[in-house]
Amino acid sequence: MVESGDVWMIDKRVVNFICKAKKQAYASTDSKPKKTKDGGETYSIKEGDLLYTDTYFGSVVDCGQERVYCKGKVIWIMAYRGGIFEKHQHLHREAFSFLKKCISKIPKNFPARGPKSLKIGKFRYENKWIGNIEGFVGEENIYYDGNKICFRNYIGGLIKNRK
């Protein structure tokens, strides 16, 4: 993170780390989260002085928070909540497998969630947001055969503390 007058900007190293960490965490087919003492699950990726964590609670409808730390201090956060609608729970495994594929195609210009859209077979992903990686709010949805089956809202950006 660099400071330019009163404006805080995220540097490319942090953006690249967020992209890499997301692909190695939830979007990975190999990575498994660790259980937390309070009933959640968490992924953790470290590279040099940067640490990425993604901790969430729930499975059908979940809520969580991703954080990026630099030298032990939180510099970026994204909070999210969403899941699969009850009448489509029979598609849970396939829908979340599809979501992992979407997250693995994370756009470098906005590495918060997946691309604006992606279609594979009967699954379609749509992601809309306002802002940029420094401050944003967004919504993603998954459709199966034209029917909305999953939703997720998210918000986040850079953290700035008083001097």
Protein backbone atom coordinates (compact mmCIF):
# COMPACT_ATOMS: atom_id res chain seq x y z
CA MET A 1 0.00 0.00 0.00
CA VAL A 2 1.34 3.44 -0.89
CA GLU A 3 0.22 6.85 0.24
CA SER A 4 -0.26 9.68 -2.27
CA GLY A 5 -1.30 12.82 -0.41
CA ASP A 6 -4.55 11.89 1.35
CA VAL A 7 -5.28 9.05 -1.08
CA TRP A 8 -4.31 5.49 -0.23
CA MET A 9 -3.63 3.20 -3.15
CA ILE A 10 -2.99 -0.51 -3.29
CA ASP A 11 0.29 -1.51 -4.92
CA LYS A 12 0.69 -4.20 -7.59
CA ARG A 13 2.52 -6.54 -5.22
CA VAL A 14 -0.54 -6.68 -2.93
CA VAL A 15 -2.96 -7.06 -5.88
CA ASN A 16 -0.88 -9.93 -7.28
CA PHE A 17 -0.75 -11.53 -3.83
CA ILE A 18 -4.55 -11.32 -3.43
CA CYS A 19 -5.01 -13.02 -6.83
CA LYS A 20 -2.50 -15.75 -6.02
CA ALA A 21 -3.82 -16.34 -2.48
CA LYS A 22 -7.45 -16.66 -3.59
CA LYS A 23 -6.45 -19.21 -6.22
CA GLN A 24 -4.48 -21.19 -3.60
CA ALA A 25 -7.24 -20.98 -0.97
CA TYR A 26 -10.96 -21.42 -1.71
CA ALA A 27 -10.60 -21.65 -5.51
CA SER A 28 -8.11 -24.51 -5.24
CA THR A 29 -9.36 -28.06 -5.60
CA ASP A 30 -6.45 -29.24 -3.41
CA SER A 31 -6.58 -26.78 -0.52
CA LYS A 32 -8.68 -27.63 2.53
CA PRO A 33 -9.68 -25.11 5.21
CA LYS A 34 -8.74 -25.66 8.85
CA LYS A 35 -11.42 -25.73 11.54
CA THR A 36 -11.42 -22.79 13.95
CA LYS A 37 -12.22 -23.01 17.67
CA ASP A 38 -15.44 -21.04 17.17
CA GLY A 39 -16.88 -23.37 14.52
CA GLY A 40 -15.63 -21.65 11.39
CA GLU A 41 -13.24 -22.73 8.69
CA THR A 42 -10.19 -20.79 7.55
CA TYR A 43 -7.63 -20.70 4.78
CA SER A 44 -4.26 -19.05 5.33
CA ILE A 45 -1.64 -18.17 2.70
CA LYS A 46 1.68 -16.47 3.55
CA GLU A 47 4.24 -14.95 1.22
CA GLY A 48 7.06 -12.84 2.62
CA ASP A 49 5.59 -10.08 4.81
CA LEU A 50 2.06 -10.64 3.41
CA LEU A 51 -0.57 -12.94 4.92
CA TYR A 52 -4.02 -13.72 3.47
CA THR A 53 -6.75 -15.30 5.55
CA ASP A 54 -10.29 -16.29 4.59
CA THR A 55 -12.48 -17.34 7.51
CA TYR A 56 -16.13 -18.28 7.07
CA PHE A 57 -19.05 -19.77 8.97
CA GLY A 58 -21.88 -21.87 7.53
CA SER A 59 -22.19 -24.06 4.46
CA VAL A 60 -25.60 -23.64 2.79
CA VAL A 61 -25.62 -19.92 3.56
CA ASP A 62 -22.27 -18.66 4.78
CA CYS A 63 -20.73 -15.45 6.02
CA GLY A 64 -17.03 -14.67 6.09
CA GLN A 65 -14.17 -12.28 5.86
CA GLU A 66 -10.97 -12.20 3.86
CA ARG A 67 -8.04 -10.19 5.20
CA VAL A 68 -4.63 -9.22 3.91
CA TYR A 69 -1.97 -8.39 6.48
CA CYS A 70 1.33 -6.64 5.78
CA LYS A 71 3.94 -6.96 8.52
CA GLY A 72 1.21 -8.11 10.92
CA LYS A 73 -1.22 -5.23 10.27
CA VAL A 74 -4.49 -5.60 8.37
CA ILE A 75 -4.36 -3.51 5.17
CA TRP A 76 -7.29 -4.92 3.12
CA ILE A 77 -10.57 -6.65 4.03
CA MET A 78 -13.51 -8.12 2.17
CA ALA A 79 -16.63 -9.36 3.99
CA TYR A 80 -19.22 -11.55 2.28
CA ARG A 81 -22.49 -13.38 2.83
CA GLY A 82 -24.39 -15.69 0.53
CA GLY A 83 -25.22 -19.22 -0.41
CA ILE A 84 -27.62 -21.48 -2.22
CA PHE A 85 -31.40 -21.15 -2.13
CA GLU A 86 -33.14 -23.93 -0.21
CA LYS A 87 -35.09 -25.30 -3.18
CA HIS A 88 -31.80 -25.76 -5.10
CA GLN A 89 -29.78 -27.47 -2.35
CA HIS A 90 -29.60 -30.64 -4.44
CA LEU A 91 -27.19 -28.66 -6.69
CA HIS A 92 -25.00 -27.57 -3.75
CA ARG A 93 -21.87 -29.59 -4.63
CA GLU A 94 -21.97 -28.73 -8.35
CA ALA A 95 -22.77 -25.05 -7.72
CA PHE A 96 -19.88 -24.53 -5.30
CA SER A 97 -17.52 -26.47 -7.58
CA PHE A 98 -18.56 -24.07 -10.35
CA LEU A 99 -18.00 -21.10 -7.99
CA LYS A 100 -14.42 -22.30 -7.37
CA LYS A 101 -13.84 -22.28 -11.14
CA CYS A 102 -15.20 -18.72 -11.31
CA ILE A 103 -12.98 -17.50 -8.46
CA SER A 104 -9.96 -19.16 -10.12
CA LYS A 105 -10.57 -16.83 -13.09
CA ILE A 106 -10.23 -13.77 -10.85
CA PRO A 107 -9.66 -10.57 -12.85
CA LYS A 108 -6.37 -8.81 -11.99
CA ASN A 109 -8.03 -5.40 -12.31
CA PHE A 110 -10.55 -6.36 -9.59
CA PRO A 111 -9.37 -9.36 -7.55
CA ALA A 112 -12.27 -9.41 -5.09
CA ARG A 113 -14.33 -12.26 -6.60
CA GLY A 114 -14.69 -13.84 -10.05
CA PRO A 115 -14.99 -12.31 -13.53
CA LYS A 116 -18.01 -10.26 -14.64
CA SER A 117 -19.52 -13.36 -16.23
CA LEU A 118 -18.72 -16.98 -16.98
CA LYS A 119 -20.79 -19.79 -18.48
CA ILE A 120 -19.94 -23.49 -18.32
CA GLY A 121 -22.63 -25.92 -19.45
CA LYS A 122 -25.93 -25.08 -17.70
CA PHE A 123 -24.17 -22.92 -15.07
CA ARG A 124 -23.80 -19.15 -15.49
CA TYR A 125 -22.01 -16.77 -13.13
CA GLU A 126 -22.63 -13.01 -12.96
CA ASN A 127 -20.64 -10.56 -10.86
CA LYS A 128 -21.48 -6.85 -10.57
CA TRP A 129 -19.64 -4.32 -8.42
CA ILE A 130 -19.22 -0.61 -7.81
CA GLY A 131 -15.79 0.82 -7.04
CA ASN A 132 -12.34 -0.70 -7.30
CA ILE A 133 -10.17 -2.98 -5.19
CA GLU A 134 -9.42 -0.05 -2.85
CA GLY A 135 -13.13 0.33 -1.92
CA PHE A 136 -16.08 -1.60 -3.33
CA VAL A 137 -19.47 -3.22 -2.91
CA GLY A 138 -20.70 -6.06 -5.10
CA GLU A 139 -23.03 -8.94 -5.76
CA GLU A 140 -22.49 -12.26 -7.50
CA ASN A 141 -25.11 -14.77 -8.59
CA ILE A 142 -25.07 -18.27 -10.01
CA TYR A 143 -27.77 -19.48 -12.39
CA TYR A 144 -28.51 -23.04 -13.42
CA ASP A 145 -30.52 -23.60 -16.57
CA GLY A 146 -31.65 -19.94 -16.35
CA ASN A 147 -32.75 -20.13 -12.70
CA LYS A 148 -30.97 -18.16 -9.97
CA ILE A 149 -29.72 -20.73 -7.45
CA CYS A 150 -26.96 -18.91 -5.51
CA PHE A 151 -26.32 -15.36 -4.30
CA ARG A 152 -23.51 -13.52 -2.54
CA ASN A 153 -23.08 -9.90 -1.43
CA TYR A 154 -19.67 -8.51 -0.60
CA ILE A 155 -18.02 -5.28 0.53
CA GLY A 156 -14.43 -4.30 1.19
CA GLY A 157 -11.34 -2.30 0.50
CA LEU A 158 -8.22 -0.82 2.01
CA ILE A 159 -7.92 -0.15 5.71
CA LYS A 160 -6.49 3.17 6.85
CA ASN A 161 -5.62 4.01 10.45
CA ARG A 162 -4.91 7.39 12.03
CA LYS A 163 -1.27 8.29 12.34
